[in-house]
Protein backbone atom coordinates (compact mmCIF):
# COMPACT_ATOMS: atom_id res chain seq x y z
CA MET A 1 48.65 -114.73 -51.36
CA ASN A 2 50.30 -117.01 -53.85
CA GLU A 3 51.14 -116.06 -57.45
CA LYS A 4 47.91 -117.53 -58.83
CA GLY A 5 45.83 -115.57 -56.32
CA TYR A 6 47.76 -112.40 -57.07
CA ARG A 7 47.16 -112.79 -60.82
CA CYS A 8 43.47 -113.42 -60.16
CA TYR A 9 43.30 -110.27 -57.98
CA LEU A 10 44.89 -108.19 -60.76
CA GLU A 11 42.50 -109.51 -63.38
CA GLU A 12 39.32 -109.25 -61.29
CA ASN A 13 40.11 -105.68 -60.25
CA ASN A 14 41.41 -104.49 -63.63
CA LYS A 15 44.84 -103.76 -62.12
CA ARG A 16 48.30 -104.18 -63.59
CA GLU A 17 51.73 -104.59 -62.11
CA VAL A 18 53.98 -101.71 -63.09
CA ARG A 19 57.24 -102.94 -61.58
CA ARG A 20 58.50 -105.68 -59.31
CA THR A 21 61.55 -105.21 -57.10
CA TYR A 22 63.28 -107.92 -55.08
CA ILE A 23 63.67 -106.84 -51.45
CA PRO A 24 65.45 -109.27 -49.13
CA ILE A 25 63.73 -109.71 -45.77
CA LYS A 26 66.04 -110.86 -42.97
CA ASP A 27 63.35 -111.89 -40.47
CA LEU A 28 60.23 -113.26 -42.16
CA ALA A 29 58.57 -114.05 -38.82
CA ALA A 30 58.89 -110.41 -37.68
CA SER A 31 57.51 -109.26 -41.01
CA ASP A 32 54.56 -111.66 -40.65
CA ARG A 33 53.89 -110.43 -37.11
CA LYS A 34 53.81 -106.82 -38.31
CA LEU A 35 51.41 -107.76 -41.11
CA GLU A 36 49.09 -109.48 -38.63
CA GLU A 37 49.31 -106.49 -36.28
CA LEU A 38 48.42 -104.00 -39.00
CA LEU A 39 45.59 -106.17 -40.33
CA SER A 40 44.11 -106.60 -36.86
CA LYS A 41 43.37 -102.90 -36.40
CA GLU A 42 41.60 -100.30 -38.48
CA TRP A 43 44.06 -98.57 -40.79
CA MET A 44 43.43 -94.88 -41.31
CA TRP A 45 44.18 -93.98 -44.92
CA PHE A 46 45.01 -90.27 -44.76
CA LEU A 47 46.87 -90.14 -48.09
CA LEU A 48 50.03 -89.01 -46.28
CA PRO A 49 51.66 -90.59 -44.38
CA ASN A 50 49.26 -93.54 -44.01
CA ASN A 51 48.98 -94.90 -47.52
CA CYS A 52 49.56 -98.29 -49.16
CA ALA A 53 53.28 -97.62 -49.68
CA ASN A 54 53.68 -96.82 -45.99
CA PHE A 55 51.73 -99.99 -45.10
CA ALA A 56 54.15 -102.09 -47.16
CA GLU A 57 57.18 -100.21 -45.76
CA GLU A 58 56.18 -100.99 -42.19
CA ILE A 59 55.88 -104.70 -42.96
CA LEU A 60 59.18 -104.86 -44.87
CA GLN A 61 61.12 -102.80 -42.34
CA ALA A 62 59.79 -104.89 -39.44
CA GLY A 63 61.48 -107.84 -41.16
CA GLY A 64 64.78 -106.00 -41.36
CA ALA A 65 64.53 -104.80 -44.95
CA ASN A 66 66.06 -101.42 -45.62
CA ALA A 67 63.53 -100.20 -48.17
CA GLY A 68 61.24 -97.27 -48.70
CA LEU A 69 59.62 -95.27 -51.46
CA TYR A 70 60.21 -91.51 -51.65
CA SER A 71 58.15 -91.19 -54.79
CA ASN A 72 55.04 -92.12 -52.84
CA CYS A 73 56.09 -89.94 -49.88
CA PRO A 74 56.77 -92.43 -47.07
CA ARG A 75 60.01 -92.49 -45.19
CA LEU A 76 63.26 -93.73 -46.65
CA GLU A 77 63.63 -94.89 -50.22
CA THR A 78 66.87 -96.83 -50.31
CA PHE A 79 66.55 -98.62 -53.63
CA ARG A 80 66.20 -97.23 -57.13
């Protein structure tokens, strides 16, 4: 999704961006493959551990990013 599409999504769904953090991804192709893999199967949203933060973590970490989000309970928050 490009920036224009993202802004449209926020507006149409009455959402707002709280914070944006730059996370370097070493292997974009691996990250893309993980995204496609996760989107190709039914995702079970059990609150914990399968939530939207965990979904994003899996994609980022597949690309070699060392990032997580303790405040939303997934694995390893490494940025503040």
